[in-house]
Structure formats: structure tokens, C-alpha cells
Amino acid sequence: MTLTDEQQAIKDEFVRVRGTWGEPWERMLELDPAFVRAYVDFAAVPWRRSPGALSPKVRELLHIAVDAAATHLYTPGVRQHVAAALDAGATPAEIMEVLELTSTLGIHAANIGVPLLVEVLTEEGLRDGPAPLDERQEQLKAEFTATRGYWHAFWDEILELDPDLFEAYVAFSSVPWHTGTLEPKVKELVYCAFDASATHLYVPGLKLHLRNALGHGATVAEILEMFEIASVVGIHAATTATPILAELAGERS
């Protein structure tokens, strides 16, 4: 399509701020340029600060966490932000570390499910209280606390009822804490980003990791930038569906 002056100005600003362009944005620009302009202003909030609270590299790492999370799996965004993170100076090892951190999201099935199981067992008269931890369980709790720097009550019942799962999860989730190079503050912001995303909204984990991030030195401004980044995930409704709309509408014209 031949762009109007207004559309070209919007496209130029988009590319300047976000460093990318693609067919979904072209179709959106054709159908509703005002929407694209509004999105540029929305997505650009952390990027227009100079300097920002977070470095460009960390911003891109947080975008990767949100897009790659099991609750979202937005492949075009992962590709875009991996490329942008590399351009911003991230190493492949750092990006892999973000993916390792983000891969822990699956344990939330147990974080949510096991306490509900305990609640049902209690209501059905099949449980009258927690059993004391044995020596192995106490050791697992100590290892988790030493590696991750915290303990939370939502691990208690998983450790009590399924120590095999807990032991395997400790080993799995601890890999980036043993071998990674991102500072603990950034690791915690990664957890916050995918917990806060609209496709997950895992409140217990988000509150925990906000507390941990603050404990590792994160500022309120850094945390707010993380929220700003996670808040744009909704645009993927449009980036996914607008090309389909343009295609089908074109067939009928």
C-alpha cells in the first residue's frame, strides 16, 4: 500500500522506538492508523525515558520472558525480542538463562493444586494436620532456602506430600542460580514479568518475587518498568488476528 503522510510518520516513529516492523503492523496501519499510533505511545513508555530505570538489554530479556512463558508462547515476539536482546548486548547464555527461569512456570500447577488438595482432604475428614518433616525433607528445605534465598508457605505441603517432586524441582529450578550470570535482581524481575502477565496473573508468586526483587536491590522504578513491559502483551490479539482480517476482507472486496 502507498502510505499517507500520517501513516508514514506513525511507521517511522514505531521503527525508531521499537526497532522493528512487520506485516501485522502494516495491516494495522492500513486498517486503523490511530490504533497503531496509540499503541506506539503505550509500548514506548519505558523506551522514551533517558536514561530508563532498566537497561535496554534487561528490557528485552523481560519481553522474552513474557512472550516465551508457557501461558503465552508467542513465537513472533520471542524471535523479535531475542534478536533485539542480542543487538542490545545480551549473550546467548544470558538469554538461555531467562528461558530457564521462565521454564519454572509449570510448577504453579502444584503450587495451586496441592493446597487445594489439602483443603479438600481436610473437608472430607481425610486429613487432620500436617505431618512432621523427616530428615530428608528438612534437608531439601534447607537446600532450597540456601540456593534461592527464601522460603514460602506454598512449598510446605508440596514438600510434605510429594518430596520426590520437590527434590526434582529444586534441582531443575536451581540451574540458573548455580550457573547463570544475571544478577539476582534481574532473575527476580523475570519471575515477576511472567507471573504478572495477563496470560498468567499468578498473584502468590508475583507478590513473593516482588518482595525478593526489592530484597536484591530492585528499585520501584525498575519494577514499574517491568510492569510496563508486561502490560503490552494484549497487543498480540491484534498482531495475530489483523493479518487474518485483512486477508479475509480482501477476498470479499
C-alpha atoms as a PDB file:
ATOM      1  CA  MET A   1       0.000   0.000   0.000  1.00  0.00           C
ATOM      2  CA  THR A   2       1.034   3.609  -0.515  1.00  0.00           C
ATOM      3  CA  LEU A   3       1.240   5.270   2.882  1.00  0.00           C
ATOM      4  CA  THR A   4      -0.232   8.663   3.609  1.00  0.00           C
ATOM      5  CA  ASP A   5       1.980  11.208   5.324  1.00  0.00           C
ATOM      6  CA  GLU A   6       0.249  10.387   8.608  1.00  0.00           C
ATOM      7  CA  GLN A   7       0.765   6.648   8.201  1.00  0.00           C
ATOM      8  CA  GLN A   8       4.412   7.077   7.246  1.00  0.00           C
ATOM      9  CA  ALA A   9       5.019   9.254  10.297  1.00  0.00           C
ATOM     10  CA  ILE A  10       3.457   6.596  12.538  1.00  0.00           C
ATOM     11  CA  LYS A  11       5.549   3.864  10.934  1.00  0.00           C
ATOM     12  CA  ASP A  12       8.743   5.897  11.264  1.00  0.00           C
ATOM     13  CA  GLU A  13       8.066   6.544  14.946  1.00  0.00           C
ATOM     14  CA  PHE A  14       7.294   2.873  15.546  1.00  0.00           C
ATOM     15  CA  VAL A  15      10.560   1.772  13.938  1.00  0.00           C
ATOM     16  CA  ARG A  16      12.508   4.456  15.794  1.00  0.00           C
ATOM     17  CA  VAL A  17      11.125   3.433  19.167  1.00  0.00           C
ATOM     18  CA  ARG A  18      10.876  -0.347  18.762  1.00  0.00           C
ATOM     19  CA  GLY A  19      13.431  -1.028  16.034  1.00  0.00           C
ATOM     20  CA  THR A  20      11.189  -3.411  14.136  1.00  0.00           C
ATOM     21  CA  TRP A  21       8.332  -3.583  11.666  1.00  0.00           C
ATOM     22  CA  GLY A  22       6.379  -6.365  10.040  1.00  0.00           C
ATOM     23  CA  GLU A  23       3.328  -7.423   8.094  1.00  0.00           C
ATOM     24  CA  PRO A  24       0.911  -7.360  11.081  1.00  0.00           C
ATOM     25  CA  TRP A  25       1.796  -3.727  11.745  1.00  0.00           C
ATOM     26  CA  GLU A  26       1.438  -2.896   8.048  1.00  0.00           C
ATOM     27  CA  ARG A  27      -2.084  -4.324   8.041  1.00  0.00           C
ATOM     28  CA  MET A  28      -2.992  -2.495  11.269  1.00  0.00           C
ATOM     29  CA  LEU A  29      -1.622   0.739   9.854  1.00  0.00           C
ATOM     30  CA  GLU A  30      -3.809   0.258   6.796  1.00  0.00           C
ATOM     31  CA  LEU A  31      -6.971  -0.516   8.773  1.00  0.00           C
ATOM     32  CA  ASP A  32      -6.630   1.817  11.771  1.00  0.00           C
ATOM     33  CA  PRO A  33      -3.607   4.136  11.932  1.00  0.00           C
ATOM     34  CA  ALA A  34      -4.913   5.831  15.088  1.00  0.00           C
ATOM     35  CA  PHE A  35      -4.753   2.497  16.913  1.00  0.00           C
ATOM     36  CA  VAL A  36      -1.148   1.936  15.839  1.00  0.00           C
ATOM     37  CA  ARG A  37      -0.207   5.440  16.987  1.00  0.00           C
ATOM     38  CA  ALA A  38      -1.844   4.825  20.364  1.00  0.00           C
ATOM     39  CA  TYR A  39      -0.018   1.512  20.706  1.00  0.00           C
ATOM     40  CA  VAL A  40       3.322   3.126  19.906  1.00  0.00           C
ATOM     41  CA  ASP A  41       2.753   5.615  22.710  1.00  0.00           C
ATOM     42  CA  PHE A  42       1.683   2.811  25.083  1.00  0.00           C
ATOM     43  CA  ALA A  43       4.574   0.466  24.302  1.00  0.00           C
ATOM     44  CA  ALA A  44       7.139   3.255  24.223  1.00  0.00           C
ATOM     45  CA  VAL A  45       6.634   4.416  27.819  1.00  0.00           C
ATOM     46  CA  PRO A  46       9.779   2.698  29.202  1.00  0.00           C
ATOM     47  CA  TRP A  47      11.761   3.245  25.998  1.00  0.00           C
ATOM     48  CA  ARG A  48      11.330   7.022  25.862  1.00  0.00           C
ATOM     49  CA  ARG A  49      12.946   7.563  29.256  1.00  0.00           C
ATOM     50  CA  SER A  50      16.557   8.607  29.032  1.00  0.00           C
ATOM     51  CA  PRO A  51      18.033   7.051  30.961  1.00  0.00           C
ATOM     52  CA  GLY A  52      15.493   4.408  31.813  1.00  0.00           C
ATOM     53  CA  ALA A  53      15.428   2.539  35.085  1.00  0.00           C
ATOM     54  CA  LEU A  54      16.316  -0.705  33.277  1.00  0.00           C
ATOM     55  CA  SER A  55      18.934  -1.126  30.580  1.00  0.00           C
ATOM     56  CA  PRO A  56      17.739  -1.884  27.019  1.00  0.00           C
ATOM     57  CA  LYS A  57      19.176  -5.385  27.390  1.00  0.00           C
ATOM     58  CA  VAL A  58      17.168  -6.134  30.530  1.00  0.00           C
ATOM     59  CA  ARG A  59      14.009  -4.724  28.970  1.00  0.00           C
ATOM     60  CA  GLU A  60      14.376  -7.104  26.052  1.00  0.00           C
ATOM     61  CA  LEU A  61      15.062 -10.026  28.401  1.00  0.00           C
ATOM     62  CA  LEU A  62      11.797  -9.271  30.196  1.00  0.00           C
ATOM     63  CA  HIS A  63       9.934  -9.161  26.880  1.00  0.00           C
ATOM     64  CA  ILE A  64      11.361 -12.619  26.121  1.00  0.00           C
ATOM     65  CA  ALA A  65      10.134 -13.965  29.463  1.00  0.00           C
ATOM     66  CA  VAL A  66       6.604 -12.698  28.850  1.00  0.00           C
ATOM     67  CA  ASP A  67       6.383 -13.977  25.264  1.00  0.00           C
ATOM     68  CA  ALA A  68       8.104 -17.345  25.839  1.00  0.00           C
ATOM     69  CA  ALA A  69       6.161 -18.256  29.000  1.00  0.00           C
ATOM     70  CA  ALA A  70       4.110 -21.456  28.746  1.00  0.00           C
ATOM     71  CA  THR A  71       0.941 -19.436  29.285  1.00  0.00           C
ATOM     72  CA  HIS A  72       1.609 -17.309  26.188  1.00  0.00           C
ATOM     73  CA  LEU A  73       4.073 -18.912  23.723  1.00  0.00           C
ATOM     74  CA  TYR A  74       4.006 -16.024  21.267  1.00  0.00           C
ATOM     75  CA  THR A  75       6.701 -17.154  18.835  1.00  0.00           C
ATOM     76  CA  PRO A  76       6.904 -13.994  16.677  1.00  0.00           C
ATOM     77  CA  GLY A  77       7.550 -11.924  19.785  1.00  0.00           C
ATOM     78  CA  VAL A  78      10.162 -14.349  21.070  1.00  0.00           C
ATOM     79  CA  ARG A  79      12.039 -14.107  17.761  1.00  0.00           C
ATOM     80  CA  GLN A  80      11.800 -10.310  17.704  1.00  0.00           C
ATOM     81  CA  HIS A  81      12.970  -9.833  21.272  1.00  0.00           C
ATOM     82  CA  VAL A  82      15.742 -12.440  21.135  1.00  0.00           C
ATOM     83  CA  ALA A  83      17.157 -10.567  18.143  1.00  0.00           C
ATOM     84  CA  ALA A  84      16.746  -7.239  19.943  1.00  0.00           C
ATOM     85  CA  ALA A  85      18.362  -8.605  23.115  1.00  0.00           C
ATOM     86  CA  LEU A  86      21.372  -9.811  21.134  1.00  0.00           C
ATOM     87  CA  ASP A  87      21.594  -6.396  19.469  1.00  0.00           C
ATOM     88  CA  ALA A  88      21.471  -4.789  22.924  1.00  0.00           C
ATOM     89  CA  GLY A  89      24.450  -6.840  24.080  1.00  0.00           C
ATOM     90  CA  ALA A  90      22.858  -9.882  25.700  1.00  0.00           C
ATOM     91  CA  THR A  91      24.823 -13.090  25.321  1.00  0.00           C
ATOM     92  CA  PRO A  92      23.220 -16.379  24.230  1.00  0.00           C
ATOM     93  CA  ALA A  93      23.962 -17.679  27.737  1.00  0.00           C
ATOM     94  CA  GLU A  94      22.029 -14.800  29.319  1.00  0.00           C
ATOM     95  CA  ILE A  95      19.040 -15.373  27.039  1.00  0.00           C
ATOM     96  CA  MET A  96      19.177 -19.100  27.792  1.00  0.00           C
ATOM     97  CA  GLU A  97      19.174 -18.230  31.488  1.00  0.00           C
ATOM     98  CA  VAL A  98      15.966 -16.226  31.021  1.00  0.00           C
ATOM     99  CA  LEU A  99      14.399 -19.201  29.266  1.00  0.00           C
ATOM    100  CA  GLU A 100      15.481 -21.488  32.113  1.00  0.00           C
ATOM    101  CA  LEU A 101      13.932 -19.154  34.673  1.00  0.00           C
ATOM    102  CA  THR A 102      10.746 -18.878  32.630  1.00  0.00           C
ATOM    103  CA  SER A 103      10.527 -22.660  32.278  1.00  0.00           C
ATOM    104  CA  THR A 104       9.819 -22.953  36.003  1.00  0.00           C
ATOM    105  CA  LEU A 105       6.296 -21.609  35.476  1.00  0.00           C
ATOM    106  CA  GLY A 106       4.880 -25.129  35.235  1.00  0.00           C
ATOM    107  CA  ILE A 107       5.353 -25.767  38.962  1.00  0.00           C
ATOM    108  CA  HIS A 108       2.439 -23.422  39.594  1.00  0.00           C
ATOM    109  CA  ALA A 109       0.168 -26.388  38.852  1.00  0.00           C
ATOM    110  CA  ALA A 110       1.422 -27.850  42.125  1.00  0.00           C
ATOM    111  CA  ASN A 111       1.643 -24.505  43.936  1.00  0.00           C
ATOM    112  CA  ILE A 112      -2.070 -24.014  43.299  1.00  0.00           C
ATOM    113  CA  GLY A 113      -3.215 -27.632  43.187  1.00  0.00           C
ATOM    114  CA  VAL A 114      -1.593 -29.171  46.264  1.00  0.00           C
ATOM    115  CA  PRO A 115      -3.012 -26.635  48.771  1.00  0.00           C
ATOM    116  CA  LEU A 116      -6.441 -27.176  47.205  1.00  0.00           C
ATOM    117  CA  LEU A 117      -5.963 -30.929  47.573  1.00  0.00           C
ATOM    118  CA  VAL A 118      -5.097 -30.429  51.246  1.00  0.00           C
ATOM    119  CA  GLU A 119      -8.183 -28.250  51.676  1.00  0.00           C
ATOM    120  CA  VAL A 120     -10.423 -30.927  50.139  1.00  0.00           C
ATOM    121  CA  LEU A 121      -8.820 -33.716  52.175  1.00  0.00           C
ATOM    122  CA  THR A 122      -9.424 -31.720  55.350  1.00  0.00           C
ATOM    123  CA  GLU A 123     -13.048 -31.016  54.423  1.00  0.00           C
ATOM    124  CA  GLU A 124     -13.602 -34.706  53.690  1.00  0.00           C
ATOM    125  CA  GLY A 125     -12.138 -35.731  57.040  1.00  0.00           C
ATOM    126  CA  LEU A 126      -9.133 -37.403  55.408  1.00  0.00           C
ATOM    127  CA  ARG A 127      -6.503 -35.120  56.944  1.00  0.00           C
ATOM    128  CA  ASP A 128      -6.189 -33.549  60.360  1.00  0.00           C
ATOM    129  CA  GLY A 129      -2.981 -31.593  60.008  1.00  0.00           C
ATOM    130  CA  PRO A 130       0.496 -31.588  58.506  1.00  0.00           C
ATOM    131  CA  ALA A 131       2.876 -34.435  59.201  1.00  0.00           C
ATOM    132  CA  PRO A 132       6.279 -33.537  60.650  1.00  0.00           C
ATOM    133  CA  LEU A 133       9.115 -33.342  58.109  1.00  0.00           C
ATOM    134  CA  ASP A 134      11.611 -36.183  58.120  1.00  0.00           C
ATOM    135  CA  GLU A 135      15.386 -35.737  57.797  1.00  0.00           C
ATOM    136  CA  ARG A 136      15.324 -35.824  54.002  1.00  0.00           C
ATOM    137  CA  GLN A 137      12.553 -33.243  53.798  1.00  0.00           C
ATOM    138  CA  GLU A 138      14.326 -30.918  56.221  1.00  0.00           C
ATOM    139  CA  GLN A 139      17.489 -31.197  54.095  1.00  0.00           C
ATOM    140  CA  LEU A 140      15.554 -30.393  50.913  1.00  0.00           C
ATOM    141  CA  LYS A 141      14.025 -27.349  52.574  1.00  0.00           C
ATOM    142  CA  ALA A 142      17.463 -26.172  53.705  1.00  0.00           C
ATOM    143  CA  GLU A 143      18.933 -26.668  50.221  1.00  0.00           C
ATOM    144  CA  PHE A 144      16.112 -24.712  48.563  1.00  0.00           C
ATOM    145  CA  THR A 145      16.406 -21.876  51.070  1.00  0.00           C
ATOM    146  CA  ALA A 146      20.178 -21.682  50.663  1.00  0.00           C
ATOM    147  CA  THR A 147      20.034 -21.650  46.859  1.00  0.00           C
ATOM    148  CA  ARG A 148      17.020 -19.416  46.342  1.00  0.00           C
ATOM    149  CA  GLY A 149      17.364 -17.204  49.396  1.00  0.00           C
ATOM    150  CA  TYR A 150      13.797 -17.590  50.635  1.00  0.00           C
ATOM    151  CA  TRP A 151      11.137 -19.990  51.825  1.00  0.00           C
ATOM    152  CA  HIS A 152       7.398 -19.581  51.334  1.00  0.00           C
ATOM    153  CA  ALA A 153       4.466 -21.398  52.902  1.00  0.00           C
ATOM    154  CA  PHE A 154       3.181 -22.534  49.493  1.00  0.00           C
ATOM    155  CA  TRP A 155       6.084 -25.014  49.388  1.00  0.00           C
ATOM    156  CA  ASP A 156       5.192 -26.612  52.744  1.00  0.00           C
ATOM    157  CA  GLU A 157       2.531 -29.029  51.569  1.00  0.00           C
ATOM    158  CA  ILE A 158       4.353 -29.949  48.336  1.00  0.00           C
ATOM    159  CA  LEU A 159       7.423 -30.824  50.392  1.00  0.00           C
ATOM    160  CA  GLU A 160       5.308 -32.799  52.868  1.00  0.00           C
ATOM    161  CA  LEU A 161       3.170 -34.762  50.402  1.00  0.00           C
ATOM    162  CA  ASP A 162       5.456 -35.130  47.384  1.00  0.00           C
ATOM    163  CA  PRO A 163       9.132 -34.823  48.352  1.00  0.00           C
ATOM    164  CA  ASP A 164      10.178 -36.570  45.126  1.00  0.00           C
ATOM    165  CA  LEU A 165       8.602 -33.812  43.030  1.00  0.00           C
ATOM    166  CA  PHE A 166      10.018 -31.151  45.314  1.00  0.00           C
ATOM    167  CA  GLU A 167      13.537 -32.600  45.125  1.00  0.00           C
ATOM    168  CA  ALA A 168      13.429 -32.771  41.322  1.00  0.00           C
ATOM    169  CA  TYR A 169      12.043 -29.228  41.134  1.00  0.00           C
ATOM    170  CA  VAL A 170      14.780 -27.879  43.427  1.00  0.00           C
ATOM    171  CA  ALA A 171      17.414 -29.295  41.074  1.00  0.00           C
ATOM    172  CA  PHE A 172      15.584 -28.059  37.960  1.00  0.00           C
ATOM    173  CA  SER A 173      14.838 -24.546  39.175  1.00  0.00           C
ATOM    174  CA  SER A 174      18.266 -24.041  40.721  1.00  0.00           C
ATOM    175  CA  VAL A 175      20.264 -24.459  37.485  1.00  0.00           C
ATOM    176  CA  PRO A 176      20.272 -20.728  36.581  1.00  0.00           C
ATOM    177  CA  TRP A 177      21.038 -19.848  40.198  1.00  0.00           C
ATOM    178  CA  HIS A 178      24.109 -22.107  40.173  1.00  0.00           C
ATOM    179  CA  THR A 179      25.438 -21.455  36.656  1.00  0.00           C
ATOM    180  CA  GLY A 180      23.833 -18.224  35.435  1.00  0.00           C
ATOM    181  CA  THR A 181      25.402 -14.783  35.313  1.00  0.00           C
ATOM    182  CA  LEU A 182      22.379 -12.478  35.549  1.00  0.00           C
ATOM    183  CA  GLU A 183      22.264 -10.657  38.863  1.00  0.00           C
ATOM    184  CA  PRO A 184      19.648 -11.942  41.346  1.00  0.00           C
ATOM    185  CA  LYS A 185      17.602  -8.757  40.962  1.00  0.00           C
ATOM    186  CA  VAL A 186      17.166  -9.422  37.240  1.00  0.00           C
ATOM    187  CA  LYS A 187      16.291 -13.069  37.852  1.00  0.00           C
ATOM    188  CA  GLU A 188      13.540 -11.989  40.215  1.00  0.00           C
ATOM    189  CA  LEU A 189      12.234  -9.426  37.711  1.00  0.00           C
ATOM    190  CA  VAL A 190      11.998 -12.224  35.137  1.00  0.00           C
ATOM    191  CA  TYR A 191       9.812 -14.237  37.534  1.00  0.00           C
ATOM    192  CA  CYS A 192       7.710 -11.122  38.187  1.00  0.00           C
ATOM    193  CA  ALA A 193       7.243 -10.443  34.481  1.00  0.00           C
ATOM    194  CA  PHE A 194       5.709 -13.799  33.591  1.00  0.00           C
ATOM    195  CA  ASP A 195       3.713 -14.007  36.843  1.00  0.00           C
ATOM    196  CA  ALA A 196       2.233 -10.549  36.177  1.00  0.00           C
ATOM    197  CA  SER A 197       1.430 -11.204  32.515  1.00  0.00           C
ATOM    198  CA  ALA A 198      -2.254 -11.176  31.592  1.00  0.00           C
ATOM    199  CA  THR A 199      -1.947 -14.780  30.438  1.00  0.00           C
ATOM    200  CA  HIS A 200      -0.902 -15.950  33.905  1.00  0.00           C
ATOM    201  CA  LEU A 201      -1.705 -13.491  36.725  1.00  0.00           C
ATOM    202  CA  TYR A 202      -0.237 -15.717  39.420  1.00  0.00           C
ATOM    203  CA  VAL A 203      -0.716 -13.473  42.433  1.00  0.00           C
ATOM    204  CA  PRO A 204       1.078 -15.516  45.162  1.00  0.00           C
ATOM    205  CA  GLY A 205       4.206 -15.864  43.038  1.00  0.00           C
ATOM    206  CA  LEU A 206       4.147 -12.244  41.932  1.00  0.00           C
ATOM    207  CA  LYS A 207       3.963 -10.953  45.491  1.00  0.00           C
ATOM    208  CA  LEU A 208       6.770 -13.279  46.568  1.00  0.00           C
ATOM    209  CA  HIS A 209       9.068 -12.295  43.699  1.00  0.00           C
ATOM    210  CA  LEU A 210       8.330  -8.588  44.147  1.00  0.00           C
ATOM    211  CA  ARG A 211       9.498  -8.956  47.730  1.00  0.00           C
ATOM    212  CA  ASN A 212      12.576 -10.888  46.594  1.00  0.00           C
ATOM    213  CA  ALA A 213      13.383  -8.319  43.880  1.00  0.00           C
ATOM    214  CA  LEU A 214      13.240  -5.498  46.418  1.00  0.00           C
ATOM    215  CA  GLY A 215      15.440  -7.537  48.737  1.00  0.00           C
ATOM    216  CA  HIS A 216      18.013  -7.894  45.955  1.00  0.00           C
ATOM    217  CA  GLY A 217      18.079  -4.147  45.375  1.00  0.00           C
ATOM    218  CA  ALA A 218      15.442  -3.535  42.707  1.00  0.00           C
ATOM    219  CA  THR A 219      14.005  -0.030  42.769  1.00  0.00           C
ATOM    220  CA  VAL A 220      10.343   0.884  42.480  1.00  0.00           C
ATOM    221  CA  ALA A 221      11.140   2.490  39.112  1.00  0.00           C
ATOM    222  CA  GLU A 222      12.684  -0.758  37.834  1.00  0.00           C
ATOM    223  CA  ILE A 223       9.683  -2.768  38.983  1.00  0.00           C
ATOM    224  CA  LEU A 224       7.293  -0.315  37.326  1.00  0.00           C
ATOM    225  CA  GLU A 225       9.198  -0.627  34.044  1.00  0.00           C
ATOM    226  CA  MET A 226       8.811  -4.399  34.318  1.00  0.00           C
ATOM    227  CA  PHE A 227       5.052  -3.916  34.663  1.00  0.00           C
ATOM    228  CA  GLU A 228       5.039  -1.515  31.701  1.00  0.00           C
ATOM    229  CA  ILE A 229       6.716  -4.183  29.566  1.00  0.00           C
ATOM    230  CA  ALA A 230       4.389  -6.972  30.693  1.00  0.00           C
ATOM    231  CA  SER A 231       1.346  -4.746  30.138  1.00  0.00           C
ATOM    232  CA  VAL A 232       1.690  -4.630  26.350  1.00  0.00           C
ATOM    233  CA  VAL A 233       1.081  -8.384  25.920  1.00  0.00           C
ATOM    234  CA  GLY A 234      -2.518  -7.681  24.944  1.00  0.00           C
ATOM    235  CA  ILE A 235      -1.444  -6.300  21.563  1.00  0.00           C
ATOM    236  CA  HIS A 236      -0.875  -9.868  20.413  1.00  0.00           C
ATOM    237  CA  ALA A 237      -4.629 -10.132  19.894  1.00  0.00           C
ATOM    238  CA  ALA A 238      -4.186  -7.619  17.100  1.00  0.00           C
ATOM    239  CA  THR A 239      -0.832  -8.795  15.736  1.00  0.00           C
ATOM    240  CA  THR A 240      -2.223 -12.323  15.406  1.00  0.00           C
ATOM    241  CA  ALA A 241      -5.700 -11.529  14.092  1.00  0.00           C
ATOM    242  CA  THR A 242      -5.298  -8.388  11.959  1.00  0.00           C
ATOM    243  CA  PRO A 243      -3.475 -10.135   9.082  1.00  0.00           C
ATOM    244  CA  ILE A 244      -6.311 -12.702   9.054  1.00  0.00           C
ATOM    245  CA  LEU A 245      -8.874  -9.900   8.978  1.00  0.00           C
ATOM    246  CA  ALA A 246      -7.038  -8.162   6.116  1.00  0.00           C
ATOM    247  CA  GLU A 247      -6.797 -11.415   4.147  1.00  0.00           C
ATOM    248  CA  LEU A 248     -10.450 -12.386   4.508  1.00  0.00           C
ATOM    249  CA  ALA A 249     -11.748  -8.858   3.964  1.00  0.00           C
ATOM    250  CA  GLY A 250      -9.593  -8.617   0.838  1.00  0.00           C
ATOM    251  CA  GLU A 251     -11.109 -11.800  -0.550  1.00  0.00           C
ATOM    252  CA  ARG A 252     -14.562 -10.226  -0.269  1.00  0.00           C
ATOM    253  CA  SER A 253     -13.692  -6.889  -1.833  1.00  0.00           C
END
